[in-house]
């Protein structure tokens, strides 16, 4: 007996999965909740599909992969390169203060900061995600900082500057090391900005004089 029910919901006759913007938003909402609750490694596309009541293939159609879905979830909340970019314009002398304040304001905010902590922890569990984040952060943060400050050795100075930012993130938010974890944003900025300014705008060493 022939099945006259036609294609399953969400499918066309050729097998392509369709989904409305509402379906995409539903998947993102479920994924965000699961990533925050369980972390990156334990969540599967199949489990998200089951909770969102959609075909797992539809998630792949929308986002390509688990990493694509993870990136889309993060994009709804806070994107570190965008946080940096918003703080770069202005007086070069106060650039470290602006960047630190923007970063701390983002990570200290429960709504925006918690997903970022999930992202960092997930990167320590997945080599491919680590490479993905390294590429994004390298191009969008280190290269952008170097282009902004310019001058000789800008790439090295920008890398050292962003390494200090990473140190703040790991000590304050990932490891919760004291007293960094309980310091106020103003205290952290006052303690770290001078050294970060020295790294970012250090003067080149004079060439040694030749003796006869």
N, C-alpha and C. Protein backbone atom coordinates (compact mmCIF):
# COMPACT_ATOMS: atom_id res chain seq x y z
N UNK A 1 0.85 -1.20 0.00
CA UNK A 1 0.00 0.00 0.00
C UNK A 1 0.88 1.25 0.00
N UNK A 2 0.56 2.20 -0.90
CA UNK A 2 1.40 3.38 -1.03
C UNK A 2 1.15 4.34 0.11
N UNK A 3 2.21 5.01 0.54
CA UNK A 3 2.10 6.03 1.57
C UNK A 3 1.75 7.35 0.91
N UNK A 4 0.56 7.88 1.17
CA UNK A 4 0.11 9.10 0.53
C UNK A 4 0.26 10.32 1.43
N UNK A 5 0.98 10.15 2.50
CA UNK A 5 1.10 11.28 3.44
C UNK A 5 2.00 12.38 2.95
N UNK A 6 2.86 12.07 1.92
CA UNK A 6 3.75 13.10 1.37
C UNK A 6 5.01 13.25 2.19
N UNK A 7 5.87 14.24 1.86
CA UNK A 7 7.12 14.45 2.56
C UNK A 7 6.90 14.76 4.03
N UNK A 8 7.82 14.34 4.85
CA UNK A 8 7.74 14.64 6.28
C UNK A 8 7.82 16.13 6.51
N UNK A 9 7.24 16.62 7.61
CA UNK A 9 7.33 18.05 7.91
C UNK A 9 8.77 18.51 7.93
N UNK A 10 8.99 19.67 7.31
CA UNK A 10 10.34 20.22 7.29
C UNK A 10 11.19 19.69 6.17
N UNK A 11 10.62 18.86 5.26
CA UNK A 11 11.38 18.31 4.15
C UNK A 11 10.69 18.65 2.84
N UNK A 12 11.45 18.75 1.77
CA UNK A 12 10.90 18.87 0.44
C UNK A 12 10.94 17.52 -0.21
N UNK A 13 10.37 17.41 -1.41
CA UNK A 13 10.40 16.14 -2.10
C UNK A 13 11.80 15.70 -2.45
N UNK A 14 12.74 16.63 -2.59
CA UNK A 14 14.11 16.29 -2.95
C UNK A 14 14.98 16.02 -1.73
N UNK A 15 14.42 16.09 -0.55
CA UNK A 15 15.18 15.72 0.64
C UNK A 15 15.80 16.88 1.37
N UNK A 16 15.73 18.10 0.83
CA UNK A 16 16.32 19.24 1.53
C UNK A 16 15.44 19.65 2.71
N UNK A 17 16.07 19.91 3.84
CA UNK A 17 15.33 20.34 5.03
C UNK A 17 15.08 21.84 4.96
N UNK A 18 13.86 22.21 5.27
CA UNK A 18 13.54 23.62 5.33
C UNK A 18 13.28 24.01 6.77
N UNK A 19 13.44 25.28 7.04
CA UNK A 19 13.16 25.75 8.39
C UNK A 19 12.91 27.23 8.37
N UNK A 20 11.99 27.68 9.15
CA UNK A 20 11.67 29.10 9.23
C UNK A 20 12.64 29.78 10.18
N UNK A 21 12.68 31.13 10.15
CA UNK A 21 13.49 31.84 11.15
C UNK A 21 13.12 31.47 12.57
N UNK A 22 11.83 31.19 12.81
CA UNK A 22 11.41 30.80 14.15
C UNK A 22 12.04 29.47 14.55
N UNK A 23 12.14 28.54 13.59
CA UNK A 23 12.78 27.25 13.88
C UNK A 23 14.25 27.44 14.21
N UNK A 24 14.93 28.29 13.46
CA UNK A 24 16.34 28.57 13.71
C UNK A 24 16.52 29.18 15.09
N UNK A 25 15.66 30.12 15.43
CA UNK A 25 15.74 30.76 16.74
C UNK A 25 15.48 29.75 17.86
N UNK A 26 14.56 28.82 17.60
CA UNK A 26 14.26 27.79 18.60
C UNK A 26 15.47 26.90 18.84
N UNK A 27 16.15 26.53 17.75
CA UNK A 27 17.34 25.69 17.88
C UNK A 27 18.42 26.43 18.67
N UNK A 28 18.63 27.72 18.36
CA UNK A 28 19.63 28.51 19.05
C UNK A 28 19.31 28.63 20.54
N UNK A 29 18.04 28.82 20.86
CA UNK A 29 17.66 28.94 22.27
C UNK A 29 17.95 27.67 23.04
N UNK A 30 17.61 26.52 22.43
CA UNK A 30 17.89 25.24 23.08
C UNK A 30 19.39 25.02 23.20
N UNK A 31 20.13 25.29 22.13
CA UNK A 31 21.58 25.08 22.14
C UNK A 31 22.24 25.95 23.19
N UNK A 32 21.82 27.20 23.28
CA UNK A 32 22.41 28.10 24.28
C UNK A 32 22.19 27.55 25.69
N UNK A 33 20.98 27.11 25.97
CA UNK A 33 20.68 26.57 27.29
C UNK A 33 21.50 25.32 27.58
N UNK A 34 21.63 24.44 26.58
CA UNK A 34 22.37 23.20 26.79
C UNK A 34 23.87 23.44 26.95
N UNK A 35 24.43 24.31 26.12
CA UNK A 35 25.86 24.61 26.23
C UNK A 35 26.17 25.22 27.60
N UNK A 36 25.32 26.12 28.07
CA UNK A 36 25.55 26.74 29.36
C UNK A 36 25.41 25.74 30.50
N UNK A 37 24.46 24.83 30.37
CA UNK A 37 24.20 23.87 31.45
C UNK A 37 25.21 22.74 31.47
N UNK A 38 25.59 22.24 30.29
CA UNK A 38 26.38 21.00 30.22
C UNK A 38 27.79 21.19 29.69
N UNK A 39 28.12 22.38 29.15
CA UNK A 39 29.41 22.56 28.53
C UNK A 39 29.41 22.07 27.10
N UNK A 40 30.49 22.37 26.40
CA UNK A 40 30.55 22.07 24.96
C UNK A 40 30.67 20.58 24.67
N UNK A 41 31.54 19.89 25.40
CA UNK A 41 31.88 18.51 25.04
C UNK A 41 30.70 17.55 25.19
N UNK A 42 29.86 17.76 26.18
CA UNK A 42 28.79 16.79 26.47
C UNK A 42 27.56 16.97 25.59
N UNK A 43 27.43 18.09 24.94
CA UNK A 43 26.24 18.37 24.14
C UNK A 43 26.42 17.80 22.74
N UNK A 44 25.38 17.14 22.23
CA UNK A 44 25.40 16.60 20.87
C UNK A 44 24.30 17.27 20.05
N UNK A 45 24.51 17.27 18.73
CA UNK A 45 23.47 17.81 17.86
C UNK A 45 22.19 17.01 17.99
N UNK A 46 22.31 15.71 18.18
CA UNK A 46 21.13 14.87 18.31
C UNK A 46 20.32 15.24 19.56
N UNK A 47 21.02 15.51 20.67
CA UNK A 47 20.30 15.86 21.89
C UNK A 47 19.62 17.22 21.76
N UNK A 48 20.29 18.16 21.08
CA UNK A 48 19.68 19.46 20.84
C UNK A 48 18.46 19.31 19.93
N UNK A 49 18.59 18.48 18.89
CA UNK A 49 17.48 18.27 17.97
C UNK A 49 16.28 17.67 18.69
N UNK A 50 16.55 16.73 19.59
CA UNK A 50 15.46 16.10 20.31
C UNK A 50 14.73 17.10 21.19
N UNK A 51 15.47 17.96 21.87
CA UNK A 51 14.84 18.94 22.75
C UNK A 51 14.11 20.01 21.96
N UNK A 52 14.66 20.37 20.79
CA UNK A 52 14.03 21.39 19.95
C UNK A 52 12.93 20.81 19.08
N UNK A 53 12.80 19.47 19.09
CA UNK A 53 11.78 18.78 18.31
C UNK A 53 11.95 19.03 16.81
N UNK A 54 13.21 18.89 16.34
CA UNK A 54 13.50 19.01 14.92
C UNK A 54 14.40 17.85 14.51
N UNK A 55 14.54 17.65 13.21
CA UNK A 55 15.45 16.65 12.67
C UNK A 55 16.89 17.14 12.89
N UNK A 56 17.78 16.25 13.32
CA UNK A 56 19.18 16.64 13.52
C UNK A 56 19.80 17.17 12.24
N UNK A 57 19.35 16.64 11.10
CA UNK A 57 19.89 17.11 9.82
C UNK A 57 19.54 18.57 9.57
N UNK A 58 18.44 19.04 10.16
CA UNK A 58 18.07 20.45 9.99
C UNK A 58 19.08 21.36 10.67
N UNK A 59 19.61 20.91 11.81
CA UNK A 59 20.64 21.71 12.49
C UNK A 59 21.88 21.81 11.61
N UNK A 60 22.27 20.67 11.01
CA UNK A 60 23.42 20.69 10.11
C UNK A 60 23.15 21.60 8.90
N UNK A 61 21.91 21.59 8.42
CA UNK A 61 21.55 22.44 7.29
C UNK A 61 21.70 23.92 7.64
N UNK A 62 21.26 24.29 8.84
CA UNK A 62 21.35 25.69 9.27
C UNK A 62 22.77 26.10 9.62
N UNK A 63 23.50 25.25 10.36
CA UNK A 63 24.74 25.69 11.01
C UNK A 63 25.98 24.92 10.57
N UNK A 64 25.82 23.84 9.83
CA UNK A 64 26.95 23.11 9.29
C UNK A 64 27.52 22.06 10.23
N UNK A 65 27.68 22.41 11.49
CA UNK A 65 28.30 21.50 12.43
C UNK A 65 28.02 21.98 13.85
N UNK A 66 28.47 21.20 14.81
CA UNK A 66 28.34 21.60 16.21
C UNK A 66 29.11 22.88 16.48
N UNK A 67 30.29 23.02 15.88
CA UNK A 67 31.08 24.25 16.07
C UNK A 67 30.38 25.45 15.45
N UNK A 68 29.75 25.23 14.28
CA UNK A 68 29.01 26.31 13.67
C UNK A 68 27.84 26.76 14.54
N UNK A 69 27.15 25.79 15.12
CA UNK A 69 26.06 26.11 16.03
C UNK A 69 26.58 26.84 17.26
N UNK A 70 27.71 26.36 17.80
CA UNK A 70 28.31 26.98 18.98
C UNK A 70 28.68 28.44 18.69
N UNK A 71 29.27 28.67 17.52
CA UNK A 71 29.63 30.03 17.15
C UNK A 71 28.42 30.93 16.98
N UNK A 72 27.33 30.37 16.43
CA UNK A 72 26.11 31.15 16.27
C UNK A 72 25.52 31.52 17.63
N UNK A 73 25.57 30.59 18.57
CA UNK A 73 25.09 30.88 19.91
C UNK A 73 25.89 32.01 20.53
N UNK A 74 27.21 31.95 20.41
CA UNK A 74 28.05 33.00 20.97
C UNK A 74 27.79 34.34 20.30
N UNK A 75 27.52 34.29 19.01
CA UNK A 75 27.30 35.52 18.27
C UNK A 75 26.08 36.28 18.75
N UNK A 76 25.17 35.60 19.40
CA UNK A 76 23.98 36.28 19.93
C UNK A 76 24.30 37.10 21.16
N UNK A 77 25.43 36.83 21.81
CA UNK A 77 25.69 37.42 23.12
C UNK A 77 26.87 38.38 23.10
N UNK A 78 28.06 37.90 22.86
CA UNK A 78 29.25 38.77 22.87
C UNK A 78 30.33 38.14 22.02
N UNK A 79 30.96 38.94 21.21
CA UNK A 79 32.03 38.48 20.33
C UNK A 79 33.30 39.22 20.73
N UNK A 80 34.31 38.53 21.29
CA UNK A 80 35.51 39.23 21.77
C UNK A 80 36.14 40.16 20.75
N UNK A 81 36.28 39.78 19.46
CA UNK A 81 36.85 40.75 18.52
C UNK A 81 36.03 42.02 18.40
N UNK A 82 34.71 41.90 18.50
CA UNK A 82 33.87 43.11 18.43
C UNK A 82 34.04 43.98 19.68
N UNK A 83 34.21 43.34 20.83
CA UNK A 83 34.45 44.09 22.06
C UNK A 83 35.75 44.88 21.94
N UNK A 84 36.79 44.23 21.42
CA UNK A 84 38.06 44.92 21.22
C UNK A 84 37.91 46.06 20.22
N UNK A 85 37.26 45.79 19.10
CA UNK A 85 37.13 46.80 18.04
C UNK A 85 36.42 48.04 18.55
N UNK A 86 35.44 47.85 19.42
CA UNK A 86 34.69 49.00 19.94
C UNK A 86 35.54 49.88 20.85
N UNK A 87 36.61 49.30 21.42
CA UNK A 87 37.44 50.04 22.37
C UNK A 87 38.67 50.67 21.73
N UNK A 88 39.00 50.30 20.51
CA UNK A 88 40.23 50.80 19.89
C UNK A 88 40.20 52.29 19.56
N UNK A 89 39.14 52.82 19.00
CA UNK A 89 39.17 54.26 18.64
C UNK A 89 39.30 55.15 19.88
N UNK A 90 40.07 56.22 19.74
CA UNK A 90 40.24 57.15 20.85
C UNK A 90 41.68 57.51 21.07
N UNK A 91 41.96 58.13 22.18
CA UNK A 91 43.31 58.58 22.53
C UNK A 91 44.22 57.36 22.71
N UNK A 92 45.32 57.26 21.96
CA UNK A 92 46.23 56.12 22.12
C UNK A 92 46.75 55.97 23.54
N UNK A 93 46.89 57.08 24.25
CA UNK A 93 47.45 57.03 25.60
C UNK A 93 46.56 56.25 26.57
N UNK A 94 45.26 56.21 26.30
CA UNK A 94 44.34 55.52 27.21
C UNK A 94 43.76 54.25 26.59
N UNK A 95 44.39 53.74 25.54
CA UNK A 95 43.90 52.53 24.90
C UNK A 95 43.84 51.34 25.86
N UNK A 96 44.88 51.06 26.66
CA UNK A 96 44.79 49.93 27.58
C UNK A 96 43.62 50.03 28.54
N UNK A 97 43.37 51.24 29.06
CA UNK A 97 42.24 51.41 29.97
C UNK A 97 40.91 51.11 29.27
N UNK A 98 40.76 51.59 28.04
CA UNK A 98 39.50 51.36 27.33
C UNK A 98 39.28 49.88 27.05
N UNK A 99 40.34 49.20 26.60
CA UNK A 99 40.22 47.79 26.27
C UNK A 99 39.93 46.97 27.52
N UNK A 100 40.66 47.23 28.59
CA UNK A 100 40.42 46.51 29.83
C UNK A 100 39.00 46.73 30.35
N UNK A 101 38.55 47.96 30.31
CA UNK A 101 37.21 48.25 30.83
C UNK A 101 36.14 47.57 29.98
N UNK A 102 36.32 47.58 28.66
CA UNK A 102 35.35 46.91 27.79
C UNK A 102 35.36 45.40 28.02
N UNK A 103 36.55 44.83 28.16
CA UNK A 103 36.65 43.40 28.38
C UNK A 103 36.06 42.98 29.73
N UNK A 104 36.44 43.71 30.77
CA UNK A 104 35.93 43.38 32.10
C UNK A 104 34.42 43.57 32.17
N UNK A 105 33.92 44.62 31.55
CA UNK A 105 32.49 44.84 31.55
C UNK A 105 31.72 43.72 30.87
N UNK A 106 32.32 43.17 29.82
CA UNK A 106 31.68 42.06 29.11
C UNK A 106 31.73 40.79 29.92
N UNK A 107 32.90 40.43 30.42
CA UNK A 107 33.06 39.16 31.13
C UNK A 107 32.41 39.19 32.51
N UNK A 108 32.32 40.36 33.13
CA UNK A 108 31.68 40.45 34.44
C UNK A 108 30.16 40.38 34.34
N UNK A 109 29.63 40.65 33.18
CA UNK A 109 28.18 40.61 33.00
C UNK A 109 27.71 39.14 32.90
N UNK A 110 26.81 38.70 33.78
CA UNK A 110 26.40 37.30 33.78
C UNK A 110 25.82 36.84 32.45
N UNK A 111 25.07 37.70 31.80
CA UNK A 111 24.41 37.31 30.55
C UNK A 111 25.41 37.12 29.42
N UNK A 112 26.41 38.00 29.34
CA UNK A 112 27.38 37.92 28.25
C UNK A 112 28.63 37.14 28.63
N UNK A 113 29.01 37.18 29.89
CA UNK A 113 30.27 36.57 30.29
C UNK A 113 30.22 35.07 30.43
N UNK A 114 29.12 34.52 30.89
CA UNK A 114 29.06 33.08 31.12
C UNK A 114 29.25 32.28 29.83
N UNK A 115 28.60 32.67 28.71
CA UNK A 115 28.86 31.94 27.48
C UNK A 115 30.32 32.01 27.04
N UNK A 116 30.99 33.12 27.31
CA UNK A 116 32.40 33.23 26.95
C UNK A 116 33.24 32.25 27.76
N UNK A 117 32.90 32.06 29.03
CA UNK A 117 33.62 31.07 29.84
C UNK A 117 33.39 29.66 29.30
N UNK A 118 32.16 29.38 28.84
CA UNK A 118 31.90 28.09 28.22
C UNK A 118 32.77 27.93 26.98
N UNK A 119 32.91 28.99 26.20
CA UNK A 119 33.72 28.93 24.99
C UNK A 119 35.17 28.60 25.31
N UNK A 120 35.74 29.28 26.30
CA UNK A 120 37.14 29.04 26.64
C UNK A 120 37.34 27.62 27.16
N UNK A 121 36.44 27.17 28.03
CA UNK A 121 36.57 25.81 28.56
C UNK A 121 36.40 24.78 27.45
N UNK A 122 35.50 25.04 26.52
CA UNK A 122 35.30 24.12 25.41
C UNK A 122 36.54 24.02 24.55
N UNK A 123 37.23 25.15 24.37
CA UNK A 123 38.43 25.14 23.53
C UNK A 123 39.54 24.28 24.12
N UNK A 124 39.54 24.09 25.44
CA UNK A 124 40.55 23.23 26.06
C UNK A 124 40.21 21.75 25.88
N UNK A 125 39.00 21.44 25.41
CA UNK A 125 38.58 20.06 25.25
C UNK A 125 38.52 19.60 23.79
N UNK A 126 38.63 20.52 22.87
CA UNK A 126 38.44 20.19 21.46
C UNK A 126 39.52 20.86 20.63
N UNK A 127 40.39 20.06 20.02
CA UNK A 127 41.52 20.61 19.28
C UNK A 127 41.06 21.42 18.07
N UNK A 128 40.00 20.97 17.40
CA UNK A 128 39.51 21.70 16.23
C UNK A 128 38.94 23.05 16.63
N UNK A 129 38.21 23.08 17.73
CA UNK A 129 37.67 24.35 18.21
C UNK A 129 38.81 25.28 18.63
N UNK A 130 39.85 24.72 19.24
CA UNK A 130 41.02 25.53 19.60
C UNK A 130 41.62 26.18 18.38
N UNK A 131 41.79 25.40 17.31
CA UNK A 131 42.35 25.96 16.08
C UNK A 131 41.43 27.02 15.49
N UNK A 132 40.13 26.76 15.54
CA UNK A 132 39.19 27.73 15.02
C UNK A 132 39.27 29.05 15.78
N UNK A 133 39.26 28.97 17.09
CA UNK A 133 39.34 30.19 17.90
C UNK A 133 40.68 30.88 17.73
N UNK A 134 41.74 30.10 17.61
CA UNK A 134 43.07 30.70 17.42
C UNK A 134 43.11 31.50 16.13
N UNK A 135 42.53 30.95 15.06
CA UNK A 135 42.52 31.67 13.79
C UNK A 135 41.71 32.95 13.89
N UNK A 136 40.54 32.86 14.51
CA UNK A 136 39.68 34.04 14.64
C UNK A 136 40.34 35.11 15.50
N UNK A 137 40.85 34.69 16.67
CA UNK A 137 41.45 35.66 17.58
C UNK A 137 42.73 36.24 17.01
N UNK A 138 43.50 35.41 16.29
CA UNK A 138 44.73 35.91 15.69
C UNK A 138 44.46 36.99 14.66
N UNK A 139 43.49 36.72 13.78
CA UNK A 139 43.18 37.70 12.73
C UNK A 139 42.42 38.90 13.26
N UNK A 140 41.44 38.64 14.11
CA UNK A 140 40.51 39.69 14.49
C UNK A 140 40.95 40.49 15.72
N UNK A 141 41.90 39.96 16.49
CA UNK A 141 42.32 40.69 17.69
C UNK A 141 43.79 41.12 17.59
N UNK A 142 44.69 40.18 17.39
CA UNK A 142 46.11 40.56 17.33
C UNK A 142 46.39 41.39 16.09
N UNK A 143 45.94 40.92 14.93
CA UNK A 143 46.20 41.67 13.70
C UNK A 143 45.52 43.03 13.71
N UNK A 144 44.30 43.06 14.26
CA UNK A 144 43.58 44.34 14.30
C UNK A 144 44.27 45.31 15.25
N UNK A 145 44.75 44.82 16.39
CA UNK A 145 45.48 45.69 17.32
C UNK A 145 46.75 46.20 16.68
N UNK A 146 47.49 45.31 15.99
CA UNK A 146 48.74 45.71 15.34
C UNK A 146 48.49 46.77 14.28
N UNK A 147 47.45 46.58 13.50
CA UNK A 147 47.13 47.56 12.46
C UNK A 147 46.76 48.91 13.08
N UNK A 148 46.09 48.86 14.21
CA UNK A 148 45.66 50.11 14.85
C UNK A 148 46.84 50.89 15.42
N UNK A 149 47.75 50.20 16.12
CA UNK A 149 48.86 50.92 16.76
C UNK A 149 49.97 51.24 15.78
N UNK A 150 50.19 50.36 14.79
CA UNK A 150 51.19 50.60 13.77
C UNK A 150 52.61 50.66 14.32
N UNK A 151 53.54 51.03 13.45
CA UNK A 151 54.93 51.18 13.87
C UNK A 151 55.72 49.89 13.79
N UNK A 152 57.04 50.00 14.05
CA UNK A 152 57.90 48.82 14.00
C UNK A 152 57.48 47.75 15.01
N UNK A 153 57.56 46.50 14.60
CA UNK A 153 57.30 45.39 15.52
C UNK A 153 55.88 45.40 16.08
N UNK A 154 54.94 45.96 15.32
CA UNK A 154 53.58 46.10 15.83
C UNK A 154 52.95 44.75 16.13
N UNK A 155 53.24 43.75 15.31
CA UNK A 155 52.65 42.43 15.53
C UNK A 155 53.09 41.82 16.85
N UNK A 156 54.38 41.96 17.19
CA UNK A 156 54.88 41.41 18.45
C UNK A 156 54.27 42.15 19.64
N UNK A 157 54.18 43.47 19.52
CA UNK A 157 53.62 44.25 20.62
C UNK A 157 52.14 43.94 20.82
N UNK A 158 51.42 43.79 19.70
CA UNK A 158 50.00 43.46 19.79
C UNK A 158 49.79 42.07 20.38
N UNK A 159 50.66 41.13 20.02
CA UNK A 159 50.55 39.78 20.57
C UNK A 159 50.79 39.79 22.08
N UNK A 160 51.79 40.56 22.54
CA UNK A 160 52.06 40.63 23.98
C UNK A 160 50.91 41.30 24.71
N UNK A 161 50.34 42.32 24.10
CA UNK A 161 49.20 43.03 24.70
C UNK A 161 48.01 42.09 24.86
N UNK A 162 47.69 41.34 23.82
CA UNK A 162 46.55 40.42 23.88
C UNK A 162 46.84 39.22 24.78
N UNK A 163 48.11 38.85 24.92
CA UNK A 163 48.45 37.78 25.86
C UNK A 163 48.17 38.22 27.29
N UNK A 164 48.40 39.50 27.58
CA UNK A 164 48.08 40.01 28.91
C UNK A 164 46.56 40.00 29.15
N UNK A 165 45.80 40.32 28.12
CA UNK A 165 44.34 40.23 28.24
C UNK A 165 43.92 38.79 28.53
N UNK A 166 44.54 37.85 27.82
CA UNK A 166 44.22 36.44 28.05
C UNK A 166 44.57 36.03 29.47
N UNK A 167 45.67 36.57 30.00
CA UNK A 167 46.05 36.27 31.38
C UNK A 167 45.00 36.74 32.38
N UNK A 168 44.43 37.91 32.11
CA UNK A 168 43.36 38.41 32.97
C UNK A 168 42.16 37.47 32.91
N UNK A 169 41.80 37.04 31.72
CA UNK A 169 40.63 36.17 31.55
C UNK A 169 40.82 34.87 32.30
N UNK A 170 41.99 34.24 32.14
CA UNK A 170 42.19 32.94 32.79
C UNK A 170 42.30 33.08 34.30
N UNK A 171 43.02 34.09 34.78
CA UNK A 171 43.20 34.20 36.22
C UNK A 171 41.92 34.63 36.93
N UNK A 172 41.14 35.50 36.31
CA UNK A 172 39.95 36.04 36.97
C UNK A 172 38.71 35.16 36.76
N UNK A 173 38.53 34.64 35.56
CA UNK A 173 37.25 33.99 35.23
C UNK A 173 37.34 32.47 35.13
N UNK A 174 38.45 31.95 34.67
CA UNK A 174 38.55 30.49 34.49
C UNK A 174 39.06 29.83 35.77
N UNK A 175 40.15 30.34 36.34
CA UNK A 175 40.74 29.75 37.55
C UNK A 175 40.27 30.44 38.83
N UNK A 176 39.66 31.62 38.70
CA UNK A 176 39.18 32.39 39.85
C UNK A 176 40.27 32.56 40.90
N UNK A 177 41.45 32.96 40.47
CA UNK A 177 42.58 33.16 41.37
C UNK A 177 42.40 34.45 42.16
N UNK A 178 42.66 34.36 43.45
CA UNK A 178 42.62 35.54 44.29
C UNK A 178 44.00 36.18 44.39
N UNK A 179 44.06 37.51 44.51
CA UNK A 179 42.91 38.43 44.67
C UNK A 179 42.29 38.88 43.35
N UNK A 180 42.81 38.39 42.20
CA UNK A 180 42.29 38.87 40.91
C UNK A 180 40.79 38.66 40.78
N UNK A 181 40.29 37.53 41.27
CA UNK A 181 38.88 37.20 41.08
C UNK A 181 37.95 38.17 41.78
N UNK A 182 38.39 38.75 42.90
CA UNK A 182 37.51 39.63 43.67
C UNK A 182 37.87 41.11 43.55
N UNK A 183 38.90 41.44 42.78
CA UNK A 183 39.23 42.85 42.58
C UNK A 183 38.16 43.54 41.75
N UNK A 184 37.98 44.82 41.97
CA UNK A 184 37.06 45.58 41.14
C UNK A 184 37.71 45.86 39.80
N UNK A 185 36.88 46.23 38.83
CA UNK A 185 37.41 46.57 37.52
C UNK A 185 38.39 47.74 37.62
N UNK A 186 38.06 48.74 38.44
CA UNK A 186 38.95 49.90 38.59
C UNK A 186 40.30 49.49 39.17
N UNK A 187 40.30 48.56 40.13
CA UNK A 187 41.56 48.10 40.72
C UNK A 187 42.41 47.36 39.70
N UNK A 188 41.78 46.53 38.89
CA UNK A 188 42.53 45.79 37.87
C UNK A 188 43.11 46.74 36.83
N UNK A 189 42.30 47.69 36.40
CA UNK A 189 42.77 48.65 35.40
C UNK A 189 43.94 49.46 35.93
N UNK A 190 43.83 49.92 37.17
CA UNK A 190 44.91 50.71 37.75
C UNK A 190 46.19 49.91 37.87
N UNK A 191 46.07 48.61 38.17
CA UNK A 191 47.26 47.78 38.36
C UNK A 191 47.90 47.36 37.04
N UNK A 192 47.10 47.12 36.01
CA UNK A 192 47.64 46.52 34.79
C UNK A 192 47.84 47.48 33.63
N UNK A 193 47.07 48.55 33.56
CA UNK A 193 47.15 49.43 32.40
C UNK A 193 48.54 50.01 32.16
N UNK A 194 49.28 50.45 33.19
CA UNK A 194 50.61 51.00 32.92
C UNK A 194 51.55 50.01 32.23
N UNK A 195 51.55 48.76 32.71
CA UNK A 195 52.41 47.76 32.09
C UNK A 195 51.97 47.42 30.68
N UNK A 196 50.67 47.35 30.45
CA UNK A 196 50.17 47.06 29.11
C UNK A 196 50.48 48.22 28.15
N UNK A 197 50.44 49.44 28.66
CA UNK A 197 50.80 50.59 27.83
C UNK A 197 52.27 50.53 27.46
N UNK A 198 53.11 50.12 28.41
CA UNK A 198 54.54 50.03 28.13
C UNK A 198 54.83 48.97 27.08
N UNK A 199 54.09 47.86 27.11
CA UNK A 199 54.27 46.80 26.11
C UNK A 199 53.81 47.28 24.74
N UNK A 200 52.66 47.94 24.71
CA UNK A 200 52.06 48.31 23.44
C UNK A 200 52.81 49.44 22.74
N UNK A 201 53.38 50.34 23.52
CA UNK A 201 54.04 51.52 22.94
C UNK A 201 55.50 51.60 23.32
N UNK A 202 56.12 50.46 23.57
CA UNK A 202 57.52 50.50 23.99
C UNK A 202 58.39 51.11 22.90
N UNK A 203 59.39 51.84 23.37
CA UNK A 203 60.31 52.48 22.44
C UNK A 203 61.36 51.47 21.99
N UNK A 204 61.74 51.53 20.72
CA UNK A 204 62.77 50.61 20.26
C UNK A 204 64.10 50.87 20.96
N UNK A 205 64.80 49.80 21.24
CA UNK A 205 66.12 49.94 21.89
C UNK A 205 67.12 50.59 20.93
N UNK A 206 67.94 51.50 21.46
CA UNK A 206 68.93 52.12 20.56
C UNK A 206 69.96 51.10 20.13
N UNK A 207 70.41 51.27 18.91
CA UNK A 207 71.44 50.35 18.41
C UNK A 207 72.74 50.56 19.18
N UNK A 208 73.45 49.47 19.49
CA UNK A 208 74.72 49.63 20.22
C UNK A 208 75.76 50.37 19.39
N UNK A 209 76.49 51.24 20.07
CA UNK A 209 77.51 52.01 19.36
C UNK A 209 78.70 51.12 19.03
N UNK A 210 79.19 51.36 17.85
CA UNK A 210 80.38 50.62 17.43
C UNK A 210 81.64 51.28 18.00
N UNK A 211 82.53 50.47 18.47
CA UNK A 211 83.81 51.01 18.97
C UNK A 211 84.89 50.74 17.96
N UNK A 212 85.78 51.64 17.89
CA UNK A 212 86.91 51.52 16.95
C UNK A 212 87.94 50.54 17.53
